[in-house]
Amino acid sequence: MNTRCTSSQLYRQLGGVLAIDLLNENGNKFANYYYCNLQSGEYQEYLYHFMEQFDCNPSIYHVEDSWDNYFYMGQAIDSEYEHWLENNR
């Protein structure tokens, strides 16, 4: 059985919901900062990083779900998380 999956595959397995109880306190704060501001519903830095990196025509949903794309975004997220930690200690 293959236990590796991309983030979009995991997201689908979770029913399309990244619930608050799946992350620790720091993880939830970072997710709110980087992915979507839960108070305003506005997308944050992640979407901008994603759209800068990939050809999103005709939409962001048409970007290939590949390991190369997964690893690229993983590096971007790790870098952003380190930056966030430095400014939120």
C-alpha atoms as a PDB file:
ATOM      1  CA  MET A   1       0.000   0.000   0.000  1.00  0.00           C
ATOM      2  CA  ASN A   2       1.343   3.432  -0.943  1.00  0.00           C
ATOM      3  CA  THR A   3       1.085   5.752   2.067  1.00  0.00           C
ATOM      4  CA  ARG A   4       2.548   8.782   0.290  1.00  0.00           C
ATOM      5  CA  CYS A   5       0.182  11.303  -1.157  1.00  0.00           C
ATOM      6  CA  THR A   6       0.367  14.864  -2.339  1.00  0.00           C
ATOM      7  CA  SER A   7      -1.233  17.631  -0.316  1.00  0.00           C
ATOM      8  CA  SER A   8      -4.202  17.827  -2.687  1.00  0.00           C
ATOM      9  CA  GLN A   9      -4.746  14.057  -2.376  1.00  0.00           C
ATOM     10  CA  LEU A  10      -4.654  14.357   1.417  1.00  0.00           C
ATOM     11  CA  TYR A  11      -7.045  17.298   1.266  1.00  0.00           C
ATOM     12  CA  ARG A  12      -9.503  15.174  -0.736  1.00  0.00           C
ATOM     13  CA  GLN A  13      -9.120  12.300   1.756  1.00  0.00           C
ATOM     14  CA  LEU A  14      -9.991  14.736   4.549  1.00  0.00           C
ATOM     15  CA  GLY A  15     -13.203  15.640   2.729  1.00  0.00           C
ATOM     16  CA  GLY A  16     -11.886  18.976   1.487  1.00  0.00           C
ATOM     17  CA  VAL A  17     -11.605  20.413   4.986  1.00  0.00           C
ATOM     18  CA  LEU A  18      -8.483  21.407   6.896  1.00  0.00           C
ATOM     19  CA  ALA A  19     -10.173  21.383  10.285  1.00  0.00           C
ATOM     20  CA  ILE A  20      -8.824  23.228  13.309  1.00  0.00           C
ATOM     21  CA  ASP A  21      -8.377  19.984  15.263  1.00  0.00           C
ATOM     22  CA  LEU A  22      -5.895  18.624  12.678  1.00  0.00           C
ATOM     23  CA  LEU A  23      -3.224  21.189  13.598  1.00  0.00           C
ATOM     24  CA  ASN A  24      -1.640  22.331  16.820  1.00  0.00           C
ATOM     25  CA  GLU A  25      -2.013  25.922  18.050  1.00  0.00           C
ATOM     26  CA  ASN A  26       1.005  27.186  16.097  1.00  0.00           C
ATOM     27  CA  GLY A  27      -0.134  25.327  12.988  1.00  0.00           C
ATOM     28  CA  ASN A  28      -3.566  26.923  13.170  1.00  0.00           C
ATOM     29  CA  LYS A  29      -2.113  30.402  13.606  1.00  0.00           C
ATOM     30  CA  PHE A  30       0.210  29.908  10.648  1.00  0.00           C
ATOM     31  CA  ALA A  31      -2.564  28.437   8.484  1.00  0.00           C
ATOM     32  CA  ASN A  32      -4.751  31.437   9.276  1.00  0.00           C
ATOM     33  CA  TYR A  33      -1.897  33.769   8.336  1.00  0.00           C
ATOM     34  CA  TYR A  34      -0.650  31.962   5.224  1.00  0.00           C
ATOM     35  CA  TYR A  35      -3.699  30.295   3.692  1.00  0.00           C
ATOM     36  CA  CYS A  36      -6.856  32.155   4.564  1.00  0.00           C
ATOM     37  CA  ASN A  37      -7.799  34.767   7.106  1.00  0.00           C
ATOM     38  CA  LEU A  38     -10.740  33.146   8.857  1.00  0.00           C
ATOM     39  CA  GLN A  39     -12.024  36.497  10.087  1.00  0.00           C
ATOM     40  CA  SER A  40     -12.224  38.152   6.666  1.00  0.00           C
ATOM     41  CA  GLY A  41     -12.306  35.070   4.410  1.00  0.00           C
ATOM     42  CA  GLU A  42      -9.609  36.654   2.263  1.00  0.00           C
ATOM     43  CA  TYR A  43      -6.880  34.515   0.765  1.00  0.00           C
ATOM     44  CA  GLN A  44      -3.407  35.259   1.954  1.00  0.00           C
ATOM     45  CA  GLU A  45       0.149  34.656   0.753  1.00  0.00           C
ATOM     46  CA  TYR A  46      -0.236  31.015  -0.310  1.00  0.00           C
ATOM     47  CA  LEU A  47      -2.506  31.786  -3.235  1.00  0.00           C
ATOM     48  CA  TYR A  48      -0.196  34.544  -4.440  1.00  0.00           C
ATOM     49  CA  HIS A  49       2.842  32.241  -4.239  1.00  0.00           C
ATOM     50  CA  PHE A  50       0.921  29.520  -6.055  1.00  0.00           C
ATOM     51  CA  MET A  51      -0.223  31.801  -8.864  1.00  0.00           C
ATOM     52  CA  GLU A  52       3.262  33.269  -9.304  1.00  0.00           C
ATOM     53  CA  GLN A  53       4.801  29.819  -9.709  1.00  0.00           C
ATOM     54  CA  PHE A  54       2.311  28.027 -11.929  1.00  0.00           C
ATOM     55  CA  ASP A  55       0.452  28.646 -15.157  1.00  0.00           C
ATOM     56  CA  CYS A  56      -3.066  28.859 -13.774  1.00  0.00           C
ATOM     57  CA  ASN A  57      -4.904  28.982 -17.100  1.00  0.00           C
ATOM     58  CA  PRO A  58      -7.759  28.468 -17.241  1.00  0.00           C
ATOM     59  CA  SER A  59      -7.791  28.277 -13.403  1.00  0.00           C
ATOM     60  CA  ILE A  60      -5.759  27.257 -10.367  1.00  0.00           C
ATOM     61  CA  TYR A  61      -7.603  23.936 -10.491  1.00  0.00           C
ATOM     62  CA  HIS A  62      -5.853  23.021 -13.739  1.00  0.00           C
ATOM     63  CA  VAL A  63      -2.329  22.963 -12.296  1.00  0.00           C
ATOM     64  CA  GLU A  64      -0.897  19.451 -12.484  1.00  0.00           C
ATOM     65  CA  ASP A  65      -0.987  17.520  -9.215  1.00  0.00           C
ATOM     66  CA  SER A  66       2.612  16.285  -9.445  1.00  0.00           C
ATOM     67  CA  TRP A  67       5.459  15.577  -7.047  1.00  0.00           C
ATOM     68  CA  ASP A  68       7.555  18.350  -8.635  1.00  0.00           C
ATOM     69  CA  ASN A  69       4.823  20.875  -7.907  1.00  0.00           C
ATOM     70  CA  TYR A  70       4.311  19.414  -4.437  1.00  0.00           C
ATOM     71  CA  PHE A  71       8.011  19.725  -3.563  1.00  0.00           C
ATOM     72  CA  TYR A  72       8.246  23.245  -4.955  1.00  0.00           C
ATOM     73  CA  MET A  73       5.311  24.472  -2.887  1.00  0.00           C
ATOM     74  CA  GLY A  74       6.582  22.523   0.131  1.00  0.00           C
ATOM     75  CA  GLN A  75       9.825  24.491  -0.001  1.00  0.00           C
ATOM     76  CA  ALA A  76       7.913  27.765  -0.353  1.00  0.00           C
ATOM     77  CA  ILE A  77       5.663  26.890   2.606  1.00  0.00           C
ATOM     78  CA  ASP A  78       8.623  25.803   4.757  1.00  0.00           C
ATOM     79  CA  SER A  79      10.410  29.068   3.994  1.00  0.00           C
ATOM     80  CA  GLU A  80       7.316  31.124   4.761  1.00  0.00           C
ATOM     81  CA  TYR A  81       6.773  29.173   8.004  1.00  0.00           C
ATOM     82  CA  GLU A  82      10.335  29.867   9.161  1.00  0.00           C
ATOM     83  CA  HIS A  83       9.857  33.557   8.369  1.00  0.00           C
ATOM     84  CA  TRP A  84       6.528  33.543  10.233  1.00  0.00           C
ATOM     85  CA  LEU A  85       8.084  31.836  13.274  1.00  0.00           C
ATOM     86  CA  GLU A  86      10.858  34.432  13.453  1.00  0.00           C
ATOM     87  CA  ASN A  87       8.287  37.220  13.551  1.00  0.00           C
ATOM     88  CA  ASN A  88       5.772  35.540  15.874  1.00  0.00           C
ATOM     89  CA  ARG A  89       7.760  34.209  18.817  1.00  0.00           C
END
